[in-house]
PDB file of all heavy atoms in Angstrom:
ATOM      1  N   MET A   1      18.211  26.007  19.119  1.00  0.00           N
ATOM      2  CA  MET A   1      17.540  25.831  17.861  1.00  0.00           C
ATOM      3  C   MET A   1      17.577  24.369  17.321  1.00  0.00           C
ATOM      4  O   MET A   1      16.629  23.912  16.702  1.00  0.00           O
ATOM      5  CB  MET A   1      18.154  26.779  16.822  1.00  0.00           C
ATOM      6  CG  MET A   1      17.828  28.229  17.024  1.00  0.00           C
ATOM      7  SD  MET A   1      18.440  29.347  15.751  1.00  0.00           S
ATOM      8  CE  MET A   1      20.182  29.276  16.015  1.00  0.00           C
ATOM      9  N   VAL A   2      18.697  23.702  17.537  1.00  0.00           N
ATOM     10  CA  VAL A   2      18.746  22.290  17.194  1.00  0.00           C
ATOM     11  C   VAL A   2      17.754  21.447  17.982  1.00  0.00           C
ATOM     12  O   VAL A   2      17.066  20.572  17.403  1.00  0.00           O
ATOM     13  CB  VAL A   2      20.184  21.727  17.418  1.00  0.00           C
ATOM     14  CG1 VAL A   2      20.191  20.216  17.309  1.00  0.00           C
ATOM     15  CG2 VAL A   2      21.182  22.349  16.461  1.00  0.00           C
ATOM     16  N   GLY A   3      17.524  21.774  19.241  1.00  0.00           N
ATOM     17  CA  GLY A   3      16.507  21.111  20.002  1.00  0.00           C
ATOM     18  C   GLY A   3      15.083  21.336  19.459  1.00  0.00           C
ATOM     19  O   GLY A   3      14.254  20.436  19.437  1.00  0.00           O
ATOM     20  N   ARG A   4      14.876  22.582  18.996  1.00  0.00           N
ATOM     21  CA  ARG A   4      13.530  22.879  18.400  1.00  0.00           C
ATOM     22  C   ARG A   4      13.340  22.143  17.074  1.00  0.00           C
ATOM     23  O   ARG A   4      12.238  21.726  16.757  1.00  0.00           O
ATOM     24  CB  ARG A   4      13.382  24.404  18.276  1.00  0.00           C
ATOM     25  CG  ARG A   4      13.300  25.142  19.569  1.00  0.00           C
ATOM     26  CD  ARG A   4      13.012  26.616  19.327  1.00  0.00           C
ATOM     27  NE  ARG A   4      11.743  26.802  18.727  1.00  0.00           N
ATOM     28  CZ  ARG A   4      11.273  28.044  18.408  1.00  0.00           C
ATOM     29  NH1 ARG A   4      12.023  29.133  18.729  1.00  0.00           N
ATOM     30  NH2 ARG A   4      10.148  28.164  17.771  1.00  0.00           N
ATOM     31  N   ILE A   5      14.427  22.012  16.307  1.00  0.00           N
ATOM     32  CA  ILE A   5      14.312  21.299  15.028  1.00  0.00           C
ATOM     33  C   ILE A   5      14.008  19.827  15.341  1.00  0.00           C
ATOM     34  O   ILE A   5      13.170  19.199  14.627  1.00  0.00           O
ATOM     35  CB  ILE A   5      15.622  21.443  14.247  1.00  0.00           C
ATOM     36  CG1 ILE A   5      15.783  22.821  13.747  1.00  0.00           C
ATOM     37  CG2 ILE A   5      15.693  20.423  13.084  1.00  0.00           C
ATOM     38  CD1 ILE A   5      17.114  23.096  13.040  1.00  0.00           C
ATOM     39  N   TRP A   6      14.618  19.199  16.362  1.00  0.00           N
ATOM     40  CA  TRP A   6      14.335  17.851  16.696  1.00  0.00           C
ATOM     41  C   TRP A   6      12.851  17.687  17.089  1.00  0.00           C
ATOM     42  O   TRP A   6      12.228  16.725  16.708  1.00  0.00           O
ATOM     43  CB  TRP A   6      15.217  17.441  17.885  1.00  0.00           C
ATOM     44  CG  TRP A   6      14.965  16.057  18.415  1.00  0.00           C
ATOM     45  CD1 TRP A   6      15.489  14.888  17.910  1.00  0.00           C
ATOM     46  CD2 TRP A   6      14.095  15.651  19.450  1.00  0.00           C
ATOM     47  NE1 TRP A   6      14.991  13.842  18.634  1.00  0.00           N
ATOM     48  CE2 TRP A   6      14.175  14.267  19.583  1.00  0.00           C
ATOM     49  CE3 TRP A   6      13.302  16.372  20.403  1.00  0.00           C
ATOM     50  CZ2 TRP A   6      13.448  13.607  20.573  1.00  0.00           C
ATOM     51  CZ3 TRP A   6      12.620  15.706  21.347  1.00  0.00           C
ATOM     52  CH2 TRP A   6      12.704  14.328  21.413  1.00  0.00           C
ATOM     53  N   LYS A   7      12.348  18.643  17.851  1.00  0.00           N
ATOM     54  CA  LYS A   7      10.925  18.585  18.157  1.00  0.00           C
ATOM     55  C   LYS A   7      10.057  18.824  17.011  1.00  0.00           C
ATOM     56  O   LYS A   7       9.000  18.136  16.843  1.00  0.00           O
ATOM     57  CB  LYS A   7      10.624  19.673  19.289  1.00  0.00           C
ATOM     58  CG  LYS A   7       9.241  19.666  19.855  1.00  0.00           C
ATOM     59  CD  LYS A   7       9.043  20.695  20.935  1.00  0.00           C
ATOM     60  CE  LYS A   7       7.637  20.609  21.489  1.00  0.00           C
ATOM     61  NZ  LYS A   7       7.405  21.630  22.510  1.00  0.00           N
ATOM     62  N   LEU A   8      10.427  19.669  16.087  1.00  0.00           N
ATOM     63  CA  LEU A   8       9.678  19.872  14.833  1.00  0.00           C
ATOM     64  C   LEU A   8       9.588  18.593  14.014  1.00  0.00           C
ATOM     65  O   LEU A   8       8.539  18.289  13.464  1.00  0.00           O
ATOM     66  CB  LEU A   8      10.346  21.010  14.046  1.00  0.00           C
ATOM     67  CG  LEU A   8       9.731  21.292  12.633  1.00  0.00           C
ATOM     68  CD1 LEU A   8       8.292  21.757  12.732  1.00  0.00           C
ATOM     69  CD2 LEU A   8      10.582  22.307  11.873  1.00  0.00           C
ATOM     70  N   VAL A   9      10.675  17.836  13.965  1.00  0.00           N
ATOM     71  CA  VAL A   9      10.702  16.608  13.214  1.00  0.00           C
ATOM     72  C   VAL A   9       9.697  15.606  13.809  1.00  0.00           C
ATOM     73  O   VAL A   9       8.966  14.902  13.135  1.00  0.00           O
ATOM     74  CB  VAL A   9      12.106  16.019  13.185  1.00  0.00           C
ATOM     75  CG1 VAL A   9      12.080  14.582  12.682  1.00  0.00           C
ATOM     76  CG2 VAL A   9      13.006  16.843  12.320  1.00  0.00           C
ATOM     77  N   GLY A  10       9.598  15.629  15.126  1.00  0.00           N
ATOM     78  CA  GLY A  10       8.629  14.722  15.810  1.00  0.00           C
ATOM     79  C   GLY A  10       7.183  15.155  15.445  1.00  0.00           C
ATOM     80  O   GLY A  10       6.308  14.311  15.231  1.00  0.00           O
ATOM     81  N   GLU A  11       6.931  16.441  15.318  1.00  0.00           N
ATOM     82  CA  GLU A  11       5.564  16.883  14.976  1.00  0.00           C
ATOM     83  C   GLU A  11       5.242  16.492  13.513  1.00  0.00           C
ATOM     84  O   GLU A  11       4.147  16.058  13.220  1.00  0.00           O
ATOM     85  CB  GLU A  11       5.481  18.443  15.163  1.00  0.00           C
ATOM     86  CG  GLU A  11       5.551  18.908  16.523  1.00  0.00           C
ATOM     87  CD  GLU A  11       4.308  18.576  17.281  1.00  0.00           C
ATOM     88  OE1 GLU A  11       3.198  18.526  16.754  1.00  0.00           O
ATOM     89  OE2 GLU A  11       4.401  18.284  18.545  1.00  0.00           O
ATOM     90  N   ILE A  12       6.231  16.673  12.589  1.00  0.00           N
ATOM     91  CA  ILE A  12       6.017  16.321  11.212  1.00  0.00           C
ATOM     92  C   ILE A  12       5.779  14.810  11.111  1.00  0.00           C
ATOM     93  O   ILE A  12       4.919  14.357  10.321  1.00  0.00           O
ATOM     94  CB  ILE A  12       7.228  16.758  10.320  1.00  0.00           C
ATOM     95  CG1 ILE A  12       7.264  18.300  10.323  1.00  0.00           C
ATOM     96  CG2 ILE A  12       7.089  16.224   8.929  1.00  0.00           C
ATOM     97  CD1 ILE A  12       8.464  18.890   9.605  1.00  0.00           C
ATOM     98  N   ALA A  13       6.621  14.039  11.816  1.00  0.00           N
ATOM     99  CA  ALA A  13       6.454  12.566  11.747  1.00  0.00           C
ATOM    100  C   ALA A  13       5.060  12.155  12.265  1.00  0.00           C
ATOM    101  O   ALA A  13       4.429  11.264  11.677  1.00  0.00           O
ATOM    102  CB  ALA A  13       7.526  11.862  12.557  1.00  0.00           C
ATOM    103  N   THR A  14       4.609  12.768  13.314  1.00  0.00           N
ATOM    104  CA  THR A  14       3.224  12.417  13.854  1.00  0.00           C
ATOM    105  C   THR A  14       2.169  12.777  12.846  1.00  0.00           C
ATOM    106  O   THR A  14       1.185  12.084  12.626  1.00  0.00           O
ATOM    107  CB  THR A  14       3.029  13.203  15.127  1.00  0.00           C
ATOM    108  OG1 THR A  14       4.084  12.871  16.106  1.00  0.00           O
ATOM    109  CG2 THR A  14       1.655  12.829  15.740  1.00  0.00           C
ATOM    110  N   TYR A  15       2.343  13.941  12.157  1.00  0.00           N
ATOM    111  CA  TYR A  15       1.315  14.389  11.218  1.00  0.00           C
ATOM    112  C   TYR A  15       1.264  13.439  10.031  1.00  0.00           C
ATOM    113  O   TYR A  15       0.137  13.139   9.499  1.00  0.00           O
ATOM    114  CB  TYR A  15       1.685  15.825  10.694  1.00  0.00           C
ATOM    115  CG  TYR A  15       0.722  16.347   9.678  1.00  0.00           C
ATOM    116  CD1 TYR A  15      -0.534  16.838   9.969  1.00  0.00           C
ATOM    117  CD2 TYR A  15       1.099  16.388   8.300  1.00  0.00           C
ATOM    118  CE1 TYR A  15      -1.398  17.295   9.016  1.00  0.00           C
ATOM    119  CE2 TYR A  15       0.246  16.861   7.305  1.00  0.00           C
ATOM    120  CZ  TYR A  15      -1.022  17.318   7.696  1.00  0.00           C
ATOM    121  OH  TYR A  15      -1.824  17.753   6.738  1.00  0.00           O
ATOM    122  N   PHE A  16       2.383  12.912   9.577  1.00  0.00           N
ATOM    123  CA  PHE A  16       2.417  12.022   8.370  1.00  0.00           C
ATOM    124  C   PHE A  16       2.341  10.542   8.772  1.00  0.00           C
ATOM    125  O   PHE A  16       2.510   9.685   7.848  1.00  0.00           O
ATOM    126  CB  PHE A  16       3.632  12.280   7.569  1.00  0.00           C
ATOM    127  CG  PHE A  16       3.550  13.549   6.735  1.00  0.00           C
ATOM    128  CD1 PHE A  16       4.136  14.706   7.143  1.00  0.00           C
ATOM    129  CD2 PHE A  16       2.892  13.549   5.466  1.00  0.00           C
ATOM    130  CE1 PHE A  16       4.081  15.833   6.400  1.00  0.00           C
ATOM    131  CE2 PHE A  16       2.835  14.673   4.750  1.00  0.00           C
ATOM    132  CZ  PHE A  16       3.403  15.854   5.190  1.00  0.00           C
ATOM    133  N   THR A  17       2.188  10.188  10.022  1.00  0.00           N
ATOM    134  CA  THR A  17       2.283   8.769  10.430  1.00  0.00           C
ATOM    135  C   THR A  17       1.328   7.880   9.646  1.00  0.00           C
ATOM    136  O   THR A  17       1.721   6.946   8.981  1.00  0.00           O
ATOM    137  CB  THR A  17       1.994   8.629  11.927  1.00  0.00           C
ATOM    138  OG1 THR A  17       3.084   9.247  12.634  1.00  0.00           O
ATOM    139  CG2 THR A  17       1.899   7.207  12.306  1.00  0.00           C
ATOM    140  N   ILE A  18      -0.023   8.186   9.711  1.00  0.00           N
ATOM    141  CA  ILE A  18      -0.986   7.281   9.072  1.00  0.00           C
ATOM    142  C   ILE A  18      -0.819   7.367   7.552  1.00  0.00           C
ATOM    143  O   ILE A  18      -0.894   6.351   6.862  1.00  0.00           O
ATOM    144  CB  ILE A  18      -2.359   7.755   9.513  1.00  0.00           C
ATOM    145  CG1 ILE A  18      -2.570   7.578  11.019  1.00  0.00           C
ATOM    146  CG2 ILE A  18      -3.480   6.962   8.789  1.00  0.00           C
ATOM    147  CD1 ILE A  18      -3.892   8.012  11.552  1.00  0.00           C
ATOM    148  N   SER A  19      -0.595   8.546   7.010  1.00  0.00           N
ATOM    149  CA  SER A  19      -0.518   8.714   5.557  1.00  0.00           C
ATOM    150  C   SER A  19       0.655   7.951   4.995  1.00  0.00           C
ATOM    151  O   SER A  19       0.453   7.211   3.967  1.00  0.00           O
ATOM    152  CB  SER A  19      -0.365  10.212   5.205  1.00  0.00           C
ATOM    153  OG  SER A  19      -1.461  10.959   5.699  1.00  0.00           O
ATOM    154  N   MET A  20       1.814   8.055   5.604  1.00  0.00           N
ATOM    155  CA  MET A  20       2.978   7.311   5.078  1.00  0.00           C
ATOM    156  C   MET A  20       2.856   5.788   5.260  1.00  0.00           C
ATOM    157  O   MET A  20       3.287   5.034   4.410  1.00  0.00           O
ATOM    158  CB  MET A  20       4.261   7.868   5.705  1.00  0.00           C
ATOM    159  CG  MET A  20       4.544   9.302   5.349  1.00  0.00           C
ATOM    160  SD  MET A  20       4.581   9.642   3.595  1.00  0.00           S
ATOM    161  CE  MET A  20       6.000   8.677   3.094  1.00  0.00           C
ATOM    162  N   MET A  21       2.294   5.351   6.415  1.00  0.00           N
ATOM    163  CA  MET A  21       2.122   3.949   6.606  1.00  0.00           C
ATOM    164  C   MET A  21       1.196   3.355   5.508  1.00  0.00           C
ATOM    165  O   MET A  21       1.477   2.295   4.915  1.00  0.00           O
ATOM    166  CB  MET A  21       1.533   3.653   7.999  1.00  0.00           C
ATOM    167  CG  MET A  21       2.472   3.823   9.127  1.00  0.00           C
ATOM    168  SD  MET A  21       1.721   3.585  10.741  1.00  0.00           S
ATOM    169  CE  MET A  21       1.165   1.870  10.522  1.00  0.00           C
ATOM    170  N   GLU A  22       0.125   4.046   5.238  1.00  0.00           N
ATOM    171  CA  GLU A  22      -0.806   3.565   4.197  1.00  0.00           C
ATOM    172  C   GLU A  22      -0.208   3.672   2.799  1.00  0.00           C
ATOM    173  O   GLU A  22      -0.424   2.711   2.028  1.00  0.00           O
ATOM    174  CB  GLU A  22      -2.093   4.383   4.267  1.00  0.00           C
ATOM    175  CG  GLU A  22      -2.962   4.129   5.513  1.00  0.00           C
ATOM    176  CD  GLU A  22      -4.195   4.931   5.540  1.00  0.00           C
ATOM    177  OE1 GLU A  22      -4.175   6.090   4.999  1.00  0.00           O
ATOM    178  OE2 GLU A  22      -5.202   4.461   6.083  1.00  0.00           O
ATOM    179  N   LEU A  23       0.597   4.668   2.573  1.00  0.00           N
ATOM    180  CA  LEU A  23       1.274   4.785   1.258  1.00  0.00           C
ATOM    181  C   LEU A  23       2.226   3.605   1.047  1.00  0.00           C
ATOM    182  O   LEU A  23       2.277   2.999  -0.053  1.00  0.00           O
ATOM    183  CB  LEU A  23       2.001   6.096   1.117  1.00  0.00           C
ATOM    184  CG  LEU A  23       2.796   6.314  -0.210  1.00  0.00           C
ATOM    185  CD1 LEU A  23       1.856   6.381  -1.359  1.00  0.00           C
ATOM    186  CD2 LEU A  23       3.665   7.588  -0.052  1.00  0.00           C
ATOM    187  N   PHE A  24       3.012   3.259   2.051  1.00  0.00           N
ATOM    188  CA  PHE A  24       3.921   2.170   1.917  1.00  0.00           C
ATOM    189  C   PHE A  24       3.246   0.842   1.727  1.00  0.00           C
ATOM    190  O   PHE A  24       3.621   0.020   0.898  1.00  0.00           O
ATOM    191  CB  PHE A  24       4.876   2.101   3.173  1.00  0.00           C
ATOM    192  CG  PHE A  24       5.969   3.105   3.158  1.00  0.00           C
ATOM    193  CD1 PHE A  24       5.789   4.359   2.623  1.00  0.00           C
ATOM    194  CD2 PHE A  24       7.163   2.819   3.689  1.00  0.00           C
ATOM    195  CE1 PHE A  24       6.806   5.354   2.631  1.00  0.00           C
ATOM    196  CE2 PHE A  24       8.202   3.781   3.692  1.00  0.00           C
ATOM    197  CZ  PHE A  24       8.031   5.025   3.171  1.00  0.00           C
ATOM    198  N   VAL A  25       2.149   0.598   2.488  1.00  0.00           N
ATOM    199  CA  VAL A  25       1.390  -0.639   2.384  1.00  0.00           C
ATOM    200  C   VAL A  25       0.741  -0.669   1.003  1.00  0.00           C
ATOM    201  O   VAL A  25       0.761  -1.756   0.336  1.00  0.00           O
ATOM    202  CB  VAL A  25       0.373  -0.757   3.522  1.00  0.00           C
ATOM    203  CG1 VAL A  25      -0.569  -1.924   3.285  1.00  0.00           C
ATOM    204  CG2 VAL A  25       0.995  -0.868   4.853  1.00  0.00           C
ATOM    205  N   TYR A  26       0.101   0.393   0.577  1.00  0.00           N
ATOM    206  CA  TYR A  26      -0.515   0.450  -0.720  1.00  0.00           C
ATOM    207  C   TYR A  26       0.471   0.167  -1.850  1.00  0.00           C
ATOM    208  O   TYR A  26       0.146  -0.628  -2.823  1.00  0.00           O
ATOM    209  CB  TYR A  26      -1.255   1.761  -0.888  1.00  0.00           C
ATOM    210  CG  TYR A  26      -1.801   2.001  -2.313  1.00  0.00           C
ATOM    211  CD1 TYR A  26      -2.967   1.338  -2.668  1.00  0.00           C
ATOM    212  CD2 TYR A  26      -1.124   2.817  -3.197  1.00  0.00           C
ATOM    213  CE1 TYR A  26      -3.477   1.551  -3.932  1.00  0.00           C
ATOM    214  CE2 TYR A  26      -1.609   2.937  -4.518  1.00  0.00           C
ATOM    215  CZ  TYR A  26      -2.802   2.319  -4.851  1.00  0.00           C
ATOM    216  OH  TYR A  26      -3.324   2.473  -6.111  1.00  0.00           O
TER     217      TYR A  26
END
């Protein structure tokens, strides 16, 4: 289950990559 949580974090980070980069720059 810990391994699946680690993979889930990777999916969430990928989903928010562009949005968070632009938010920080903005």
